[in-house]
Structure formats: structure tokens, C-alpha cells
Amino acid sequence: MNNKFTRFALFASKINRQHIQLAVAILVLAMLVLGIGAPVDGGISPH
């Protein structure tokens, strides 16, 4: 158990701001390509 925590702490210490920015940029680009959050055409529901 202690060994897992030590490995996690070592991994977390290697993460810096640029890694986080890169991950967010990739996520945003993937969402843009997939069209997540895009408005639906028409806007008015037929219900």
C-alpha cells in the first residue's frame, strides 16, 4: 500500500503546468472535432 502511494506521489510530482495545458488542449480539439456542445439545427423542438 505504501509503495503504491510512493509511486503515485512520484508520478504527481513530475506533472507540471505544460502537461496539464497540453492535455486540456488535446481534449478541446477532440471535442471540437466530435462536435460536442454544438447547438442543434432548428432550435425549436417539435414537441
Protein backbone atom coordinates (compact mmCIF):
# COMPACT_ATOMS: atom_id res chain seq x y z
CA MET A 1 0.00 0.00 0.00
CA ASN A 2 2.77 2.42 0.94
CA ASN A 3 4.65 1.53 -2.25
CA LYS A 4 1.63 2.48 -4.40
CA PHE A 5 1.33 5.82 -2.61
CA THR A 6 5.04 6.50 -3.14
CA ARG A 7 4.74 5.74 -6.85
CA PHE A 8 1.69 7.99 -7.15
CA ALA A 9 3.46 10.83 -5.33
CA LEU A 10 6.47 10.48 -7.63
CA PHE A 11 4.24 10.49 -10.71
CA ALA A 12 2.28 13.52 -9.48
CA SER A 13 5.48 15.45 -8.83
CA LYS A 14 6.51 15.00 -12.48
CA ILE A 15 3.31 16.64 -13.76
CA ASN A 16 3.83 20.30 -14.49
CA ARG A 17 1.72 23.12 -15.90
CA GLN A 18 2.68 22.43 -19.51
CA HIS A 19 1.48 18.82 -19.26
CA ILE A 20 -1.89 20.00 -17.97
CA GLN A 21 -2.19 22.64 -20.69
CA LEU A 22 -1.33 20.09 -23.36
CA ALA A 23 -3.93 17.64 -22.05
CA VAL A 24 -6.61 20.34 -21.98
CA ALA A 25 -5.71 21.50 -25.50
CA ILE A 26 -5.97 17.94 -26.84
CA LEU A 27 -9.31 17.47 -25.07
CA VAL A 28 -10.67 20.73 -26.52
CA LEU A 29 -9.56 19.81 -30.03
CA ALA A 30 -11.13 16.36 -29.72
CA MET A 31 -14.41 17.92 -28.56
CA LEU A 32 -14.29 20.37 -31.46
CA VAL A 33 -13.80 17.54 -33.96
CA LEU A 34 -16.60 15.48 -32.43
CA GLY A 35 -18.96 18.46 -32.24
CA ILE A 36 -19.69 18.07 -28.54
CA GLY A 37 -21.64 21.04 -27.26
CA ALA A 38 -22.65 22.21 -30.70
CA PRO A 39 -26.15 23.66 -30.97
CA VAL A 40 -28.83 21.57 -32.62
CA ASP A 41 -30.05 22.79 -36.02
CA GLY A 42 -33.55 24.27 -35.94
CA GLY A 43 -33.57 25.26 -32.30
CA ILE A 44 -37.32 24.64 -31.86
CA SER A 45 -38.41 21.27 -30.57
CA PRO A 46 -41.36 19.67 -32.43
CA HIS A 47 -42.93 18.54 -29.13
